[in-house]
Amino acid sequence: MNPDKVDRARVNALTDLPNVGPATAKDFQRLGIQSPAQLAGADPVALFQQLCEVTGVRHDPCTLDVFLSAVEFMNGGPARAWWEFTAHRKRLMARSGSTPDAQWH
């Protein structure tokens, strides 16, 4: 959902989360996540890596940005556009010395 339209009081389905549409909701479901509440306290990097493993596909790193935004929101943060997490993702990966899809190189 567009972050500007998210109403925290009405977040019931995965697609009610900022930046989460049907495709991302399906990705979360592949990981066993059925409700937004399950994202609270989750590790978005681990979820992204698990998604790549489960699907056998190297996903676009922007998928990690969306995961970061959804988890931060469920941890009480504001609804923000997924691209506002790109710099954070790049810093995370630089710090760890890897890329989100390093296992696929």
C-alpha atoms as a PDB file:
ATOM      1  CA  MET A   1       0.000   0.000   0.000  1.00  0.00           C
ATOM      2  CA  ASN A   2       1.090   3.546  -0.623  1.00  0.00           C
ATOM      3  CA  PRO A   3       2.704   4.764   2.626  1.00  0.00           C
ATOM      4  CA  ASP A   4       0.629   7.963   2.521  1.00  0.00           C
ATOM      5  CA  LYS A   5      -2.556   5.890   2.726  1.00  0.00           C
ATOM      6  CA  VAL A   6      -1.567   3.554   5.567  1.00  0.00           C
ATOM      7  CA  ASP A   7      -3.717   3.774   8.671  1.00  0.00           C
ATOM      8  CA  ARG A   8      -1.933   1.952  11.488  1.00  0.00           C
ATOM      9  CA  ALA A   9      -5.263   1.251  13.203  1.00  0.00           C
ATOM     10  CA  ARG A  10      -6.492  -0.605  10.110  1.00  0.00           C
ATOM     11  CA  VAL A  11      -3.483  -2.798   9.382  1.00  0.00           C
ATOM     12  CA  ASN A  12      -4.901  -6.302   9.318  1.00  0.00           C
ATOM     13  CA  ALA A  13      -3.633  -7.844   6.085  1.00  0.00           C
ATOM     14  CA  LEU A  14      -0.094  -7.873   4.710  1.00  0.00           C
ATOM     15  CA  THR A  15      -1.215  -5.616   1.856  1.00  0.00           C
ATOM     16  CA  ASP A  16      -2.253  -3.000   4.436  1.00  0.00           C
ATOM     17  CA  LEU A  17       1.441  -2.437   5.190  1.00  0.00           C
ATOM     18  CA  PRO A  18       3.407   0.387   3.578  1.00  0.00           C
ATOM     19  CA  ASN A  19       4.855  -0.609   0.187  1.00  0.00           C
ATOM     20  CA  VAL A  20       3.383  -4.121   0.321  1.00  0.00           C
ATOM     21  CA  GLY A  21       1.279  -5.203  -2.618  1.00  0.00           C
ATOM     22  CA  PRO A  22       0.085  -8.639  -3.669  1.00  0.00           C
ATOM     23  CA  ALA A  23       3.522  -9.825  -4.881  1.00  0.00           C
ATOM     24  CA  THR A  24       5.316  -8.903  -1.663  1.00  0.00           C
ATOM     25  CA  ALA A  25       2.474 -10.339   0.404  1.00  0.00           C
ATOM     26  CA  LYS A  26       2.954 -13.602  -1.490  1.00  0.00           C
ATOM     27  CA  ASP A  27       6.706 -13.457  -0.762  1.00  0.00           C
ATOM     28  CA  PHE A  28       5.991 -13.046   2.949  1.00  0.00           C
ATOM     29  CA  GLN A  29       3.527 -15.934   2.817  1.00  0.00           C
ATOM     30  CA  ARG A  30       6.206 -18.140   1.222  1.00  0.00           C
ATOM     31  CA  LEU A  31       8.209 -17.449   4.371  1.00  0.00           C
ATOM     32  CA  GLY A  32       5.346 -18.476   6.639  1.00  0.00           C
ATOM     33  CA  ILE A  33       4.289 -14.927   7.465  1.00  0.00           C
ATOM     34  CA  GLN A  34       0.519 -14.644   7.303  1.00  0.00           C
ATOM     35  CA  SER A  35      -0.113 -11.455   9.276  1.00  0.00           C
ATOM     36  CA  PRO A  36       1.593  -8.087   9.765  1.00  0.00           C
ATOM     37  CA  ALA A  37       2.083  -8.782  13.483  1.00  0.00           C
ATOM     38  CA  GLN A  38       4.511 -11.589  12.599  1.00  0.00           C
ATOM     39  CA  LEU A  39       6.919  -8.993  11.191  1.00  0.00           C
ATOM     40  CA  ALA A  40       7.385  -7.196  14.509  1.00  0.00           C
ATOM     41  CA  GLY A  41      10.901  -7.950  15.697  1.00  0.00           C
ATOM     42  CA  ALA A  42      11.787  -9.848  12.511  1.00  0.00           C
ATOM     43  CA  ASP A  43      15.172  -9.561  10.800  1.00  0.00           C
ATOM     44  CA  PRO A  44      14.467  -8.179   7.307  1.00  0.00           C
ATOM     45  CA  VAL A  45      17.898  -9.218   5.985  1.00  0.00           C
ATOM     46  CA  ALA A  46      17.364 -12.799   7.140  1.00  0.00           C
ATOM     47  CA  LEU A  47      13.881 -12.783   5.586  1.00  0.00           C
ATOM     48  CA  PHE A  48      15.313 -11.562   2.283  1.00  0.00           C
ATOM     49  CA  GLN A  49      18.024 -14.212   2.288  1.00  0.00           C
ATOM     50  CA  GLN A  50      15.477 -16.882   3.161  1.00  0.00           C
ATOM     51  CA  LEU A  51      13.257 -15.730   0.283  1.00  0.00           C
ATOM     52  CA  CYS A  52      16.168 -16.079  -2.143  1.00  0.00           C
ATOM     53  CA  GLU A  53      16.858 -19.580  -0.828  1.00  0.00           C
ATOM     54  CA  VAL A  54      13.221 -20.711  -0.856  1.00  0.00           C
ATOM     55  CA  THR A  55      12.570 -19.478  -4.383  1.00  0.00           C
ATOM     56  CA  GLY A  56      15.991 -20.301  -5.806  1.00  0.00           C
ATOM     57  CA  VAL A  57      16.014 -16.841  -7.358  1.00  0.00           C
ATOM     58  CA  ARG A  58      18.210 -13.829  -6.758  1.00  0.00           C
ATOM     59  CA  HIS A  59      15.665 -11.155  -5.881  1.00  0.00           C
ATOM     60  CA  ASP A  60      16.170  -7.489  -6.583  1.00  0.00           C
ATOM     61  CA  PRO A  61      17.801  -5.763  -3.582  1.00  0.00           C
ATOM     62  CA  CYS A  62      14.883  -3.306  -3.595  1.00  0.00           C
ATOM     63  CA  THR A  63      12.839  -6.202  -2.212  1.00  0.00           C
ATOM     64  CA  LEU A  64      14.990  -5.907   0.893  1.00  0.00           C
ATOM     65  CA  ASP A  65      14.148  -2.194   1.034  1.00  0.00           C
ATOM     66  CA  VAL A  66      10.452  -3.127   1.125  1.00  0.00           C
ATOM     67  CA  PHE A  67      11.106  -5.722   3.827  1.00  0.00           C
ATOM     68  CA  LEU A  68      13.013  -3.097   5.846  1.00  0.00           C
ATOM     69  CA  SER A  69      10.109  -0.662   5.541  1.00  0.00           C
ATOM     70  CA  ALA A  70       7.485  -3.220   6.579  1.00  0.00           C
ATOM     71  CA  VAL A  71       9.453  -4.450   9.592  1.00  0.00           C
ATOM     72  CA  GLU A  72      10.278  -0.926  10.752  1.00  0.00           C
ATOM     73  CA  PHE A  73       6.601   0.014  10.487  1.00  0.00           C
ATOM     74  CA  MET A  74       5.547  -3.027  12.507  1.00  0.00           C
ATOM     75  CA  ASN A  75       8.175  -2.097  15.097  1.00  0.00           C
ATOM     76  CA  GLY A  76       6.411   1.264  15.546  1.00  0.00           C
ATOM     77  CA  GLY A  77       8.172   3.377  12.929  1.00  0.00           C
ATOM     78  CA  PRO A  78       6.447   5.700  10.511  1.00  0.00           C
ATOM     79  CA  ALA A  79       5.072   4.621   7.147  1.00  0.00           C
ATOM     80  CA  ARG A  80       7.815   5.593   4.676  1.00  0.00           C
ATOM     81  CA  ALA A  81       8.412   4.937   0.995  1.00  0.00           C
ATOM     82  CA  TRP A  82      10.552   1.860   0.302  1.00  0.00           C
ATOM     83  CA  TRP A  83      13.232   3.886  -1.506  1.00  0.00           C
ATOM     84  CA  GLU A  84      13.899   5.795   1.694  1.00  0.00           C
ATOM     85  CA  PHE A  85      15.497   2.546   2.935  1.00  0.00           C
ATOM     86  CA  THR A  86      17.922   2.108   0.034  1.00  0.00           C
ATOM     87  CA  ALA A  87      20.779   4.016   1.673  1.00  0.00           C
ATOM     88  CA  HIS A  88      20.210   2.105   4.925  1.00  0.00           C
ATOM     89  CA  ARG A  89      20.326  -1.224   3.049  1.00  0.00           C
ATOM     90  CA  LYS A  90      23.559  -0.231   1.329  1.00  0.00           C
ATOM     91  CA  ARG A  91      25.134   0.752   4.661  1.00  0.00           C
ATOM     92  CA  LEU A  92      24.023  -2.529   6.225  1.00  0.00           C
ATOM     93  CA  MET A  93      25.534  -4.522   3.399  1.00  0.00           C
ATOM     94  CA  ALA A  94      28.766  -2.501   3.365  1.00  0.00           C
ATOM     95  CA  ARG A  95      29.144  -3.024   7.111  1.00  0.00           C
ATOM     96  CA  SER A  96      28.666  -6.752   6.769  1.00  0.00           C
ATOM     97  CA  GLY A  97      30.958  -6.899   3.746  1.00  0.00           C
ATOM     98  CA  SER A  98      28.302  -8.470   1.579  1.00  0.00           C
ATOM     99  CA  THR A  99      25.433  -7.732  -0.698  1.00  0.00           C
ATOM    100  CA  PRO A 100      21.920  -8.955   0.030  1.00  0.00           C
ATOM    101  CA  ASP A 101      22.317 -11.529  -2.697  1.00  0.00           C
ATOM    102  CA  ALA A 102      25.984 -12.444  -2.210  1.00  0.00           C
ATOM    103  CA  GLN A 103      25.118 -16.115  -1.912  1.00  0.00           C
ATOM    104  CA  TRP A 104      24.044 -16.081  -5.577  1.00  0.00           C
ATOM    105  CA  HIS A 105      27.346 -14.801  -7.022  1.00  0.00           C
END
